[in-house]
Protein backbone atom coordinates (compact mmCIF):
# COMPACT_ATOMS: atom_id res chain seq x y z
CA UNK A 1 50.21 -12.21 14.94
CA UNK A 2 46.62 -11.13 15.40
CA UNK A 3 44.93 -9.27 12.57
CA UNK A 4 43.35 -5.98 13.63
CA UNK A 5 40.61 -6.33 11.04
CA UNK A 6 39.25 -9.79 11.85
CA UNK A 7 40.87 -10.43 15.24
CA UNK A 8 42.07 -13.91 14.27
CA UNK A 9 45.52 -15.12 15.13
CA UNK A 10 47.68 -16.37 12.29
CA UNK A 11 51.32 -17.33 11.84
CA UNK A 12 51.68 -15.83 8.40
CA UNK A 13 53.99 -12.84 8.10
CA UNK A 14 52.59 -12.11 4.63
CA UNK A 15 51.20 -8.87 3.33
CA UNK A 16 47.56 -10.01 3.63
CA UNK A 17 45.64 -11.79 6.40
CA UNK A 18 44.76 -15.36 5.34
CA UNK A 19 41.32 -15.14 7.01
CA UNK A 20 39.85 -11.76 6.04
CA UNK A 21 42.15 -10.96 3.11
CA UNK A 22 42.82 -7.40 4.28
CA UNK A 23 46.26 -5.89 4.05
CA UNK A 24 48.57 -6.31 7.04
CA UNK A 25 50.52 -3.06 7.00
CA UNK A 26 52.95 -3.13 9.91
CA UNK A 27 53.91 0.50 9.34
CA UNK A 28 50.35 1.59 10.00
CA UNK A 29 49.91 -0.83 12.88
CA UNK A 30 47.34 -3.02 11.16
CA UNK A 31 48.74 -6.20 12.71
CA UNK A 32 48.49 -6.48 16.48
CA UNK A 33 50.57 -8.56 18.78
CA UNK A 34 48.94 -11.12 21.05
CA UNK A 35 49.14 -8.68 23.97
CA UNK A 36 47.18 -6.03 22.02
CA UNK A 37 44.36 -8.39 21.06
CA UNK A 38 42.24 -7.03 23.91
CA UNK A 39 42.13 -3.70 22.08
CA UNK A 40 40.72 -5.26 18.90
CA UNK A 41 37.25 -4.02 17.94
CA UNK A 42 34.33 -6.20 19.04
CA UNK A 43 33.04 -8.78 16.57
CA UNK A 44 29.78 -6.88 15.91
CA UNK A 45 31.65 -3.66 15.07
CA UNK A 46 33.94 -5.44 12.63
CA UNK A 47 31.02 -6.88 10.67
CA UNK A 48 28.81 -3.81 11.01
CA UNK A 49 25.80 -5.44 12.69
CA UNK A 50 25.31 -3.01 15.55
CA UNK A 51 22.20 -3.29 17.77
CA UNK A 52 20.93 0.11 16.63
CA UNK A 53 21.20 -0.94 12.98
CA UNK A 54 19.39 -4.22 13.67
CA UNK A 55 16.56 -2.30 15.36
CA UNK A 56 16.27 0.11 12.44
CA UNK A 57 16.16 -2.80 9.99
CA UNK A 58 13.51 -4.66 11.99
CA UNK A 59 11.39 -1.49 12.26
CA UNK A 60 11.89 -0.95 8.53
CA UNK A 61 10.50 -4.40 7.75
CA UNK A 62 7.57 -3.91 10.16
CA UNK A 63 6.67 -0.54 8.66
CA UNK A 64 7.36 -1.59 5.10
CA UNK A 65 5.49 -4.88 5.02
CA UNK A 66 3.74 -5.64 8.33
CA UNK A 67 1.84 -2.41 8.97
CA UNK A 68 0.15 -2.19 5.55
CA UNK A 69 -0.97 -5.80 5.87
CA UNK A 70 -2.45 -5.12 9.33
CA UNK A 71 -4.21 -1.98 8.08
CA UNK A 72 -5.63 -3.83 5.08
CA UNK A 73 -6.81 -6.76 7.20
CA UNK A 74 -8.33 -4.38 9.75
CA UNK A 75 -10.15 -2.47 7.01
CA UNK A 76 -11.60 -5.67 5.62
CA UNK A 77 -12.68 -6.84 9.06
CA UNK A 78 -14.35 -3.51 9.86
CA UNK A 79 -16.03 -3.53 6.46
CA UNK A 80 -17.45 -6.99 7.14
CA UNK A 81 -18.61 -6.16 10.69
CA UNK A 82 -19.93 -2.63 10.15
CA UNK A 83 -21.00 -2.41 6.55
CA UNK A 84 -23.80 0.11 7.12
CA UNK A 85 -22.05 2.58 9.44
CA UNK A 86 -20.79 5.66 7.58
CA UNK A 87 -18.32 6.67 10.34
CA UNK A 88 -16.61 3.30 10.17
CA UNK A 89 -16.50 3.60 6.38
CA UNK A 90 -14.82 7.00 6.66
CA UNK A 91 -12.29 5.60 9.14
CA UNK A 92 -11.46 2.64 6.93
CA UNK A 93 -11.05 4.99 3.95
CA UNK A 94 -8.70 7.19 6.00
CA UNK A 95 -6.72 4.18 7.21
CA UNK A 96 -6.40 2.95 3.65
CA UNK A 97 -5.07 6.33 2.53
CA UNK A 98 -2.59 6.57 5.39
CA UNK A 99 -1.40 2.98 4.86
CA UNK A 100 0.51 4.22 1.82
CA UNK A 101 2.85 6.10 4.17
CA UNK A 102 3.98 2.98 6.05
CA UNK A 103 6.08 1.52 3.21
CA UNK A 104 7.62 4.95 2.67
CA UNK A 105 8.53 5.10 6.37
CA UNK A 106 9.99 1.59 6.11
CA UNK A 107 12.08 2.58 3.12
CA UNK A 108 13.35 5.69 4.92
CA UNK A 109 14.30 3.60 7.98
CA UNK A 110 16.21 1.18 5.74
CA UNK A 111 18.09 4.07 4.11
CA UNK A 112 18.94 5.54 7.52
CA UNK A 113 20.23 2.15 8.67
CA UNK A 114 22.37 1.78 5.55
CA UNK A 115 23.79 5.31 5.85
CA UNK A 116 24.55 4.95 9.57
CA UNK A 117 26.13 1.52 9.17
CA UNK A 118 27.04 0.71 5.56
CA UNK A 119 28.79 -2.55 6.50
CA UNK A 120 25.72 -4.08 8.13
CA UNK A 121 24.83 -7.43 6.58
CA UNK A 122 21.27 -7.22 7.89
CA UNK A 123 20.94 -3.75 6.35
CA UNK A 124 22.08 -5.12 2.99
CA UNK A 125 19.58 -7.97 3.21
CA UNK A 126 16.74 -5.55 4.00
CA UNK A 127 17.83 -3.34 1.12
CA UNK A 128 17.69 -6.31 -1.28
CA UNK A 129 14.25 -7.24 0.07
CA UNK A 130 13.03 -3.76 -0.83
CA UNK A 131 14.67 -3.96 -4.26
CA UNK A 132 13.04 -7.36 -4.93
CA UNK A 133 9.65 -6.09 -3.73
CA UNK A 134 9.94 -3.07 -6.02
CA UNK A 135 10.86 -5.23 -9.01
CA UNK A 136 7.92 -7.55 -8.32
CA UNK A 137 5.56 -4.57 -7.99
CA UNK A 138 6.73 -3.18 -11.33
CA UNK A 139 6.31 -6.58 -13.01
CA UNK A 140 2.82 -6.92 -11.51
CA UNK A 141 1.90 -3.40 -12.68
CA UNK A 142 3.05 -4.19 -16.24
CA UNK A 143 1.06 -7.44 -16.23
CA UNK A 144 -2.05 -5.62 -14.98
CA UNK A 145 -1.67 -2.93 -17.65
CA UNK A 146 -1.39 -5.55 -20.38
CA UNK A 147 -4.39 -7.43 -18.96
CA UNK A 148 -6.44 -4.22 -18.91
CA UNK A 149 -5.47 -3.35 -22.50
CA UNK A 150 -6.28 -6.90 -23.63
CA UNK A 151 -9.66 -6.74 -21.88
CA UNK A 152 -10.47 -3.39 -23.46
CA UNK A 153 -9.48 -4.59 -26.94
CA UNK A 154 -11.56 -7.76 -26.49
CA UNK A 155 -14.51 -5.72 -25.29
CA UNK A 156 -14.28 -3.34 -28.24
CA UNK A 157 -13.99 -6.25 -30.66
CA UNK A 158 -17.11 -7.86 -29.22
CA UNK A 159 -19.08 -4.63 -29.59
CA UNK A 160 -18.09 -4.38 -33.27
CA UNK A 161 -19.76 -7.72 -33.90
CA UNK A 162 -23.02 -6.74 -32.18
CA UNK A 163 -26.04 -6.37 -34.49
CA UNK A 164 -27.66 -2.98 -34.53
């Protein structure tokens, strides 16, 4: 028999495929004969990694992480080269403001990829990358808040001890 779900041939007549573990329901035609194996879905469709989903995930990573880094590096370079030019300063300020939209676009692309192809392994990996990045950003924000509060308390304490 050839399993319709994974496409692998097996000799087992059991209820479940020994390779993918999915139910072999002969009444519903889940198990194919060797002659019908040509009609089995392609490997990429069975595992959900379609070319369109891969492209969406790659664009998501570029927008989410690559574009803000390029904008930041470009702003710093322009600031170093043209420190006295007000037009360049306005452009770098605008680019810095618009750079916030790139991660949002990346997140939206990842969500679209996951909705269009929920079985995509690459889509799941990209989703976990965004989750990890969000967790790290929250941890960093909490650390910075505590550092700011500690600095303010230390500053206030030092002013209390000042003579006069």
